[in-house]
Every structure is written in structure tokens, then in C-alpha cells.
Protein backbone atom coordinates (compact mmCIF):
# COMPACT_ATOMS: atom_id res chain seq x y z
CA UNK A 1 31.75 78.39 66.80
CA UNK A 2 30.34 77.28 70.08
CA UNK A 3 28.80 73.77 70.52
CA UNK A 4 25.56 75.61 70.97
CA UNK A 5 25.95 77.19 67.73
CA UNK A 6 26.98 74.16 65.86
CA UNK A 7 23.76 72.16 67.21
CA UNK A 8 21.67 75.15 65.86
CA UNK A 9 23.11 75.33 62.55
CA UNK A 10 22.79 71.39 62.33
CA UNK A 11 19.22 71.85 62.51
CA UNK A 12 19.18 74.32 59.75
CA UNK A 13 21.35 72.16 57.43
CA UNK A 14 18.75 69.34 57.86
CA UNK A 15 16.27 71.53 55.83
CA UNK A 16 19.19 72.02 53.10
CA UNK A 17 20.75 68.43 52.70
CA UNK A 18 19.78 66.36 49.76
CA UNK A 19 19.53 62.74 50.89
CA UNK A 20 21.55 60.68 48.42
CA UNK A 21 22.52 57.07 47.36
CA UNK A 22 25.61 56.42 45.56
CA UNK A 23 29.38 56.57 45.92
CA UNK A 24 32.12 58.47 44.17
CA UNK A 25 32.20 56.00 41.20
CA UNK A 26 28.36 56.40 40.80
CA UNK A 27 28.49 60.13 41.12
CA UNK A 28 31.29 60.36 38.56
CA UNK A 29 29.12 58.23 35.92
CA UNK A 30 26.15 60.70 36.51
CA UNK A 31 28.51 63.42 35.63
CA UNK A 32 29.33 61.79 32.51
CA UNK A 33 26.17 60.58 31.32
CA UNK A 34 24.11 63.76 32.41
CA UNK A 35 26.52 66.58 32.32
CA UNK A 36 28.82 65.67 29.69
CA UNK A 37 32.13 65.21 31.51
CA UNK A 38 34.87 63.83 29.16
CA UNK A 39 37.51 62.60 31.48
CA UNK A 40 38.54 61.63 34.87
CA UNK A 41 41.78 62.77 36.19
CA UNK A 42 43.10 61.00 39.48
CA UNK A 43 45.63 61.34 42.12
CA UNK A 44 47.82 58.57 40.53
CA UNK A 45 50.76 58.52 38.37
CA UNK A 46 50.61 59.34 34.61
CA UNK A 47 51.99 56.20 33.07
CA UNK A 48 50.11 53.84 35.43
CA UNK A 49 46.98 55.78 34.76
CA UNK A 50 47.34 55.80 30.97
CA UNK A 51 47.41 52.06 30.69
CA UNK A 52 44.04 52.29 32.16
CA UNK A 53 43.12 54.82 29.59
CA UNK A 54 44.31 52.54 26.71
CA UNK A 55 42.03 49.74 28.18
CA UNK A 56 38.84 51.52 28.60
CA UNK A 57 39.33 53.07 24.99
CA UNK A 58 39.76 49.38 23.54
CA UNK A 59 43.63 50.31 22.65
CA UNK A 60 45.39 47.70 24.74
CA UNK A 61 46.06 43.96 25.01
CA UNK A 62 44.87 43.76 28.53
CA UNK A 63 42.22 40.84 29.05
CA UNK A 64 40.41 42.68 31.67
CA UNK A 65 40.10 45.73 34.15
CA UNK A 66 42.35 43.90 36.75
CA UNK A 67 45.12 43.34 34.45
CA UNK A 68 44.91 47.11 33.25
CA UNK A 69 45.52 48.12 36.77
CA UNK A 70 48.69 46.06 36.94
CA UNK A 71 51.18 49.06 36.65
CA UNK A 72 50.05 50.39 39.99
CA UNK A 73 52.99 48.84 41.93
CA UNK A 74 54.12 51.62 43.93
CA UNK A 75 52.77 52.57 47.30
CA UNK A 76 49.85 53.04 48.04
CA UNK A 77 48.94 50.25 45.55
CA UNK A 78 45.43 49.77 47.31
CA UNK A 79 44.44 53.23 46.37
CA UNK A 80 43.90 52.18 42.84
CA UNK A 81 44.02 48.67 42.72
CA UNK A 82 40.69 48.06 44.57
CA UNK A 83 37.25 46.59 43.90
CA UNK A 84 35.81 50.10 43.06
CA UNK A 85 38.32 51.10 40.67
CA UNK A 86 37.60 47.75 38.79
CA UNK A 87 33.80 48.32 38.66
CA UNK A 88 34.65 51.88 37.42
CA UNK A 89 36.92 50.85 34.73
CA UNK A 90 34.57 48.20 33.50
CA UNK A 91 31.80 50.66 33.22
CA UNK A 92 34.03 53.16 31.29
CA UNK A 93 35.02 50.20 28.70
CA UNK A 94 31.54 49.43 28.10
CA UNK A 95 30.47 53.15 27.87
CA UNK A 96 33.18 53.85 25.34
CA UNK A 97 32.30 50.98 23.08
CA UNK A 98 29.37 52.64 21.82
CA UNK A 99 31.23 56.05 21.03
CA UNK A 100 33.49 57.22 18.45
CA UNK A 101 37.13 58.21 19.43
CA UNK A 102 36.34 61.70 20.05
CA UNK A 103 33.40 60.87 22.36
CA UNK A 104 35.16 58.42 24.48
CA UNK A 105 35.98 59.07 28.27
CA UNK A 106 39.47 59.00 29.27
CA UNK A 107 41.39 58.15 32.58
CA UNK A 108 44.49 60.01 33.36
CA UNK A 109 46.96 60.45 36.10
CA UNK A 110 48.18 63.78 37.77
CA UNK A 111 51.16 62.76 39.84
CA UNK A 112 54.69 62.78 39.72
CA UNK A 113 56.27 60.24 41.65
CA UNK A 114 56.84 58.02 38.57
CA UNK A 115 60.47 59.13 37.51
CA UNK A 116 61.72 55.92 36.04
CA UNK A 117 58.52 54.35 34.81
CA UNK A 118 58.09 57.76 32.89
CA UNK A 119 61.67 57.43 31.43
CA UNK A 120 60.82 54.06 30.22
CA UNK A 121 57.53 55.29 28.77
CA UNK A 122 59.20 58.10 26.75
CA UNK A 123 61.98 55.85 25.44
CA UNK A 124 59.11 53.20 24.34
CA UNK A 125 57.27 55.76 22.60
CA UNK A 126 60.21 57.08 20.68
CA UNK A 127 61.09 53.54 19.56
CA UNK A 128 57.69 53.34 17.91
CA UNK A 129 58.27 56.34 15.57
CA UNK A 130 62.10 57.25 15.50
CA UNK A 131 64.68 54.85 16.79
CA UNK A 132 67.60 57.26 16.61
CA UNK A 133 65.27 59.78 18.66
CA UNK A 134 65.02 57.04 21.09
CA UNK A 135 68.70 56.45 21.36
CA UNK A 136 69.20 60.36 22.14
CA UNK A 137 66.48 59.68 24.98
CA UNK A 138 68.61 56.86 26.41
CA UNK A 139 71.69 58.69 26.44
CA UNK A 140 70.42 61.65 28.08
CA UNK A 141 68.20 59.80 30.76
CA UNK A 142 71.32 57.65 31.42
CA UNK A 143 72.29 60.59 33.58
CA UNK A 144 69.82 58.82 36.36
CA UNK A 145 71.22 55.55 36.22
CA UNK A 146 73.47 56.16 39.43
CA UNK A 147 70.13 55.72 41.39
CA UNK A 148 69.33 52.19 40.02
CA UNK A 149 65.70 52.84 39.60
CA UNK A 150 65.14 54.37 43.06
CA UNK A 151 63.72 57.91 42.80
CA UNK A 152 64.44 58.98 46.31
CA UNK A 153 67.70 57.62 46.11
CA UNK A 154 68.55 60.01 43.08
CA UNK A 155 67.80 62.97 45.20
CA UNK A 156 69.96 61.69 48.00
CA UNK A 157 72.85 60.89 45.80
CA UNK A 158 72.56 64.53 44.26
CA UNK A 159 72.75 66.08 47.56
CA UNK A 160 74.97 64.10 49.71
CA UNK A 161 77.15 62.01 47.25
CA UNK A 162 78.14 64.76 44.98
CA UNK A 163 76.40 62.88 41.99
CA UNK A 164 75.47 65.30 39.14
CA UNK A 165 71.91 66.53 38.75
CA UNK A 166 69.91 65.58 35.47
CA UNK A 167 67.98 68.56 35.21
CA UNK A 168 69.34 69.93 31.96
CA UNK A 169 69.02 66.20 30.39
CA UNK A 170 65.50 66.22 31.44
CA UNK A 171 64.58 69.78 30.16
CA UNK A 172 66.46 69.16 26.88
CA UNK A 173 64.52 65.67 26.10
CA UNK A 174 61.18 67.56 26.78
CA UNK A 175 62.00 70.37 24.55
CA UNK A 176 63.02 67.75 21.75
CA UNK A 177 59.84 66.02 22.03
CA UNK A 178 57.72 69.24 21.83
CA UNK A 179 59.96 70.89 18.87
CA UNK A 180 59.48 67.73 16.76
CA UNK A 181 55.67 67.17 17.52
CA UNK A 182 54.47 67.56 14.15
CA UNK A 183 57.24 65.51 12.56
CA UNK A 184 57.00 62.70 14.95
CA UNK A 185 53.07 62.50 14.35
CA UNK A 186 53.28 60.50 11.30
CA UNK A 187 50.35 58.45 11.80
CA UNK A 188 46.86 59.86 11.56
CA UNK A 189 43.83 60.05 13.73
CA UNK A 190 43.37 60.79 17.45
CA UNK A 191 45.07 57.77 18.89
CA UNK A 192 48.56 59.16 17.31
CA UNK A 193 47.95 62.50 18.71
CA UNK A 194 46.80 60.95 22.05
CA UNK A 195 50.19 58.94 22.21
CA UNK A 196 52.43 61.87 21.36
CA UNK A 197 50.89 63.87 24.37
CA UNK A 198 51.28 60.99 26.60
CA UNK A 199 54.88 60.72 26.00
CA UNK A 200 55.27 64.64 26.34
CA UNK A 201 53.53 64.30 29.70
CA UNK A 202 55.88 61.59 30.62
CA UNK A 203 58.71 63.96 29.85
CA UNK A 204 57.11 66.52 32.04
CA UNK A 205 57.03 64.26 34.80
CA UNK A 206 60.67 63.44 34.48
CA UNK A 207 61.69 67.03 34.59
CA UNK A 208 59.33 67.95 37.76
CA UNK A 209 60.11 64.52 39.42
CA UNK A 210 63.82 65.50 39.17
CA UNK A 211 63.27 68.59 40.74
CA UNK A 212 60.94 67.09 43.44
CA UNK A 213 63.28 64.47 44.65
CA UNK A 214 66.32 66.78 44.64
CA UNK A 215 64.01 69.04 46.88
CA UNK A 216 63.09 66.06 49.26
CA UNK A 217 66.67 66.42 50.69
CA UNK A 218 67.20 70.12 50.58
CA UNK A 219 65.74 73.04 52.68
CA UNK A 220 64.80 75.60 50.09
CA UNK A 221 61.76 74.20 48.29
CA UNK A 222 58.41 72.98 49.66
CA UNK A 223 57.88 69.56 47.98
CA UNK A 224 54.21 69.74 48.56
CA UNK A 225 53.98 72.91 46.61
CA UNK A 226 56.13 71.09 43.68
CA UNK A 227 53.97 68.36 43.73
CA UNK A 228 50.45 70.17 43.77
CA UNK A 229 51.67 72.69 41.07
CA UNK A 230 52.62 69.68 38.92
CA UNK A 231 49.23 68.15 39.35
CA UNK A 232 47.58 71.59 38.56
CA UNK A 233 49.79 72.03 35.53
CA UNK A 234 48.98 68.40 34.11
CA UNK A 235 45.46 69.20 34.73
CA UNK A 236 45.38 72.32 32.70
CA UNK A 237 47.63 70.51 29.95
CA UNK A 238 44.91 67.77 29.69
CA UNK A 239 42.26 70.22 29.55
CA UNK A 240 43.86 72.00 26.39
CA UNK A 241 44.68 68.67 24.97
CA UNK A 242 41.11 67.24 25.45
CA UNK A 243 39.40 70.46 24.03
CA UNK A 244 41.63 70.51 20.97
CA UNK A 245 38.87 69.09 18.77
CA UNK A 246 36.34 71.84 20.22
CA UNK A 247 34.78 69.58 22.46
CA UNK A 248 34.16 70.75 25.93
CA UNK A 249 36.67 69.50 28.13
CA UNK A 250 34.76 68.86 31.45
CA UNK A 251 37.18 66.72 33.70
CA UNK A 252 36.23 65.00 37.06
CA UNK A 253 39.45 65.02 39.36
CA UNK A 254 39.59 62.44 42.19
CA UNK A 255 42.05 63.30 45.07
CA UNK A 256 42.22 63.65 48.91
CA UNK A 257 40.51 66.53 50.39
CA UNK A 258 43.94 67.88 51.31
CA UNK A 259 44.65 68.40 47.73
CA UNK A 260 41.07 69.25 46.60
CA UNK A 261 39.75 71.66 49.08
CA UNK A 262 41.16 75.23 48.86
CA UNK A 263 44.39 75.56 51.00
CA UNK A 264 44.03 79.09 51.47
CA UNK A 265 41.19 78.47 53.70
CA UNK A 266 42.96 76.16 55.94
CA UNK A 267 45.65 76.89 58.48
CA UNK A 268 48.24 75.09 56.01
CA UNK A 269 48.21 78.32 54.16
CA UNK A 270 50.10 79.77 56.91
CA UNK A 271 52.96 77.38 56.38
CA UNK A 272 53.08 78.70 52.83
CA UNK A 273 51.43 75.81 51.35
CA UNK A 274 49.04 75.92 48.36
CA UNK A 275 47.35 73.02 46.64
CA UNK A 276 45.44 71.69 43.45
CA UNK A 277 42.10 73.08 44.51
CA UNK A 278 43.49 76.43 45.22
CA UNK A 279 45.25 76.75 41.94
CA UNK A 280 42.49 75.42 40.13
CA UNK A 281 40.13 78.22 41.36
CA UNK A 282 42.91 80.75 40.69
CA UNK A 283 43.07 79.50 37.09
CA UNK A 284 39.32 78.66 36.14
CA UNK A 285 37.30 80.68 38.44
CA UNK A 286 33.43 80.18 38.02
CA UNK A 287 34.17 76.97 35.87
CA UNK A 288 35.72 75.25 38.71
CA UNK A 289 33.83 73.41 41.59
CA UNK A 290 35.52 72.17 44.71
CA UNK A 291 33.65 69.04 46.10
CA UNK A 292 34.61 67.47 49.47
CA UNK A 293 33.82 64.33 50.88
CA UNK A 294 33.58 63.74 54.71
CA UNK A 295 32.91 61.14 57.23
CA UNK A 296 32.11 60.69 60.98
CA UNK A 297 33.14 57.27 61.57
CA UNK A 298 33.47 53.87 59.77
CA UNK A 299 36.66 52.14 58.36
CA UNK A 300 39.45 52.90 55.97
CA UNK A 301 42.10 51.16 54.12
CA UNK A 302 45.42 53.03 55.22
CA UNK A 303 48.89 52.36 56.48
CA UNK A 304 50.63 53.34 59.46
CA UNK A 305 54.01 54.59 57.93
CA UNK A 306 55.09 55.43 54.27
CA UNK A 307 55.46 52.21 52.13
CA UNK A 308 54.03 50.10 55.14
CA UNK A 309 51.37 47.46 54.47
CA UNK A 310 47.67 48.28 53.87
CA UNK A 311 45.77 48.03 56.82
CA UNK A 312 42.00 47.77 57.50
CA UNK A 313 41.69 50.32 60.30
CA UNK A 314 38.57 51.64 62.38
CA UNK A 315 37.94 55.42 61.89
CA UNK A 316 37.37 57.03 65.23
CA UNK A 317 34.07 59.08 65.65
CA UNK A 318 34.98 62.87 64.92
CA UNK A 319 36.13 65.08 67.48
CA UNK A 320 33.53 67.32 69.38
CA UNK A 321 33.12 70.70 67.80
CA UNK A 322 34.77 69.43 64.39
CA UNK A 323 32.95 70.13 61.02
CA UNK A 324 32.43 66.09 60.86
CA UNK A 325 30.76 66.55 64.29
CA UNK A 326 28.45 69.19 62.94
CA UNK A 327 27.42 67.01 59.87
CA UNK A 328 26.98 64.02 62.01
CA UNK A 329 24.24 65.87 64.05
CA UNK A 330 22.31 66.52 60.81
CA UNK A 331 21.53 62.96 61.41
CA UNK A 332 20.84 61.88 57.57
CA UNK A 333 23.10 58.96 56.63
CA UNK A 334 24.32 60.24 53.42
CA UNK A 335 23.52 63.56 52.03
CA UNK A 336 24.94 66.55 49.54
CA UNK A 337 25.08 70.10 50.75
CA UNK A 338 25.50 73.38 48.86
CA UNK A 339 27.96 75.26 51.22
CA UNK A 340 27.26 78.62 49.23
CA UNK A 341 23.45 78.81 50.32
CA UNK A 342 22.88 82.11 51.73
CA UNK A 343 21.35 81.21 54.98
CA UNK A 344 24.62 79.24 56.03
CA UNK A 345 27.38 80.39 54.12
CA UNK A 346 28.81 83.02 56.69
CA UNK A 347 28.47 80.82 59.65
CA UNK A 348 30.29 78.01 57.71
CA UNK A 349 33.11 80.67 57.09
CA UNK A 350 34.08 80.16 60.72
CA UNK A 351 37.30 78.44 61.40
CA UNK A 352 36.56 74.72 62.79
CA UNK A 353 38.44 71.64 63.11
CA UNK A 354 38.39 69.46 60.06
CA UNK A 355 39.95 65.61 59.80
CA UNK A 356 42.22 64.79 56.80
CA UNK A 357 42.77 61.00 56.27
CA UNK A 358 45.12 60.12 53.54
CA UNK A 359 47.12 57.00 52.83
CA UNK A 360 48.36 57.09 56.33
CA UNK A 361 46.02 57.04 59.21
CA UNK A 362 47.30 57.09 62.98
CA UNK A 363 44.19 57.01 65.11
CA UNK A 364 46.30 57.12 68.17
CA UNK A 365 47.54 60.46 67.60
CA UNK A 366 44.47 61.53 65.68
CA UNK A 367 44.19 65.03 66.87
CA UNK A 368 47.88 66.12 66.05
CA UNK A 369 48.18 64.08 62.87
CA UNK A 370 45.00 64.41 61.26
CA UNK A 371 43.21 67.62 62.20
CA UNK A 372 43.56 71.01 60.97
CA UNK A 373 41.50 74.51 61.13
CA UNK A 374 39.51 75.18 58.13
CA UNK A 375 36.75 77.34 56.75
CA UNK A 376 34.58 75.10 55.17
CA UNK A 377 32.45 77.40 52.95
CA UNK A 378 35.67 78.85 51.53
CA UNK A 379 37.54 75.57 51.22
CA UNK A 380 34.74 73.76 49.16
CA UNK A 381 31.72 74.92 47.15
CA UNK A 382 29.84 71.83 48.52
CA UNK A 383 30.47 68.54 50.03
CA UNK A 384 29.09 64.84 50.13
CA UNK A 385 28.85 63.60 53.85
CA UNK A 386 28.87 59.95 54.41
CA UNK A 387 27.86 59.45 58.05
CA UNK A 388 29.64 55.92 58.45
CA UNK A 389 32.09 55.14 55.72
CA UNK A 390 33.39 51.70 54.42
CA UNK A 391 37.08 50.83 53.64
CA UNK A 392 38.15 50.27 50.10
CA UNK A 393 38.66 46.45 49.33
CA UNK A 394 42.15 46.08 47.92
CA UNK A 395 42.45 43.73 45.16
CA UNK A 396 45.74 42.43 47.01
CA UNK A 397 44.71 41.81 50.55
CA UNK A 398 47.89 41.95 52.74
CA UNK A 399 47.99 39.72 56.02
CA UNK A 400 47.66 43.22 58.01
CA UNK A 401 44.27 44.12 56.06
CA UNK A 402 42.68 40.64 56.45
CA UNK A 403 43.29 41.06 60.35
CA UNK A 404 42.55 44.57 60.56
CA UNK A 405 39.42 46.47 61.51
CA UNK A 406 37.60 45.21 64.72
CA UNK A 407 33.97 43.79 64.40
CA UNK A 408 31.05 46.65 64.78
CA UNK A 409 30.76 45.56 68.55
CA UNK A 410 34.35 46.60 69.19
CA UNK A 411 34.40 49.57 71.56
CA UNK A 412 34.72 52.74 69.85
CA UNK A 413 36.02 54.50 72.84
CA UNK A 414 39.39 52.47 72.69
């Protein structure tokens, strides 16, 4: 699409854009209150998010929302230990107080990085219902002990130090949990069912994380695909679990655009990659809506390398000719756009540059590090555009974050 074509399209989008006020959490709250959504599932580890789930349902000893986020200790900590999440968790807790167990809103994680935390969670659950089963789980999971709690080290040891892999042990533990589901559910009510489901999901995490960390050091499997397949399967298991009582399981998913937007509409598909959004469309068809979030400039909390401290970084103005540049030309600070509108859909199926900023942001190599080609109308059903974004504020501010983004007067071209 030429620059001239983009300028003409921007003028047409002005007529279709719905100005809005509110951010991600407020949009989510409206979906719950006005559209009957029943859960939030996020790009976070299952056991860490499940502690929050217990808190918002009034089932934990945590004193407040900040305490309920204490299990988020793995990089990127700031992604969930931030002030926006605290406000959302407080709102969920208040909302749930006036509702029955079956009507309450849950908070769940979709990711698979929590190998050792999930092992601990499976054993802890079994200790409450069957001490002999807990001992069997310990014996199986002892296979992982050679990595001393470091998941990546487990994969390295298996591939390069001839340690045995623990694939069969992980599978056997999950199979036992599922086979004895009815027997283990000695308690009554939804809480017992939820805790059994949580334990099974932790066992699934162990099985899939074991394969993921082995694949990190191999050359045959795409770890991106393994991870997004796990998130997709977890979302589907959660949907079925929440719908067990006949209630509609409508779930809001929070994840980066690289996971939410349909990968088949981007040049990442040429590398054989799929993602959560693509798999969700294949599974649910018209029952699924993919919504993107874009920005032209602003600030972001991100690191410069994996496992590095959070920094408060300036987001450069989007590249000329990118979809963010197109949306900036609409000249509405914040708006919602239906990408399937008949007057614009075909033109938005043309390939354009799109910026993806995740937990790592490298402005000095932005074109190479963060831009891909995408067909916007095939990638998302709709999007929210915030022309000037504001960084998440971490609960645990590092020295790097405090010394981060320059004032607004700092030259944007540098």
C-alpha cells in the first residue's frame, strides 16, 4: 500500500472509528458486567495465576491483592506485578463477593514455564487428599531433581549431559490424577472440583514444560509452537471446565499481539509458526474474536535482554508506512475499529509493517527486532488504538526503571 493510499484510507477510517475512554482492565470489566464473560485467562503461569484466582474468590489467606501476586517471581515479574493488575484484582474480589460460587469470575494462567512450581503444586494438592498418592508423585517427579529447580538446566542436562528425560514420569502422574478424579473428589461443592482441575492442569504443565525445555536445546521442534499449542489446549480445557454446570464459558484472554493475532496472516507463518489466535479461530470459528491493541508512540516497561531488569523505555514513533502510522493519521487519541467493515476490509488485507513489542524492547534495532509484515484485517477482527501509550508501573521498581524513560521533551528522533 502506497503512502498516498494510506492517507486516503486514514481519512475513511475516521468515519468508522469509535472514540473511547478506558484501558484494558476497564474494557474487561465491561465485558464481564455487560456481556456475561465468566473468566480472565492471561499469558502467565498456571500456579501463579491460580493463587490470584483463589484470592478473588475469597478462598485464600492473602491479606490483599498485592499479596496474592507474590508468586509472580519469574521474569518478567512486572508483567503481572503492576498497579493495573492490583486494581483489576481488587475489582474482581469486590465483584465476586456479591455472587454465588457458580457465578464468580475466575483468573487463570495459560503459560508453561512453571515446571518446578507446578510439580510442587501437584504434590501439595495430593497431600490434602491422599498422602500415599502424594508420595508416588514425589517419587516420579524426583526424576527432575538433577536440574536443582532450574527448568532450562533440565533441558540442557538431558541433551548434553546424558541425564535421563522425565517424559514418562510426567505422563504417568497426569494419567493417575485423571484416572482417580472421582476417587480423589471426596469433598463436595465447586471448590473441590476446581482444586482437582487445578492439580490436573499443573500436571499438564509439567508434561508439556518437560517437552518444551528439552526442545530448547534441540533442533527438531519449534518451541514457539509448543508453547502456543499448550496455551490453546489450556484455554480449551478451561472452557470445558467452566461450562460443566451449563453456564456459558466466555473468556477474556490477555496476551501479547504476537500470540493473539492470527499468525497465518503474518510473515511468521512462513517460518512454520502458529499461535494462540490462529488455533482459537480453528477451534471456535465464529465464537472467537481476536482483538489487537496498537500504539504509535509513548512509553513501555520492558527489558533489554531475557532475565534482565525492567526498564522504563521510550517507544519510538512508528515507522512511516506501518499500520501504526496509518492509525496515527486518523488523529483520534484512542479509538476502536471494526476491521471487518465492508468499506475497508479488502484494503486492510494488504500486507503492511506492524510493530510487536513484548517483554523485550530494543529501540536501537527496532526495524529488525520488532517489525513483521501482516494483513491487519485477516490478523484481527477488530482493534483498539491508543496513539500515545503509557508504561505499566511495576510494584517492584528497579533502579533501571526509575532512571528510565526521558522526559516528554526529550528529542524523539534520538
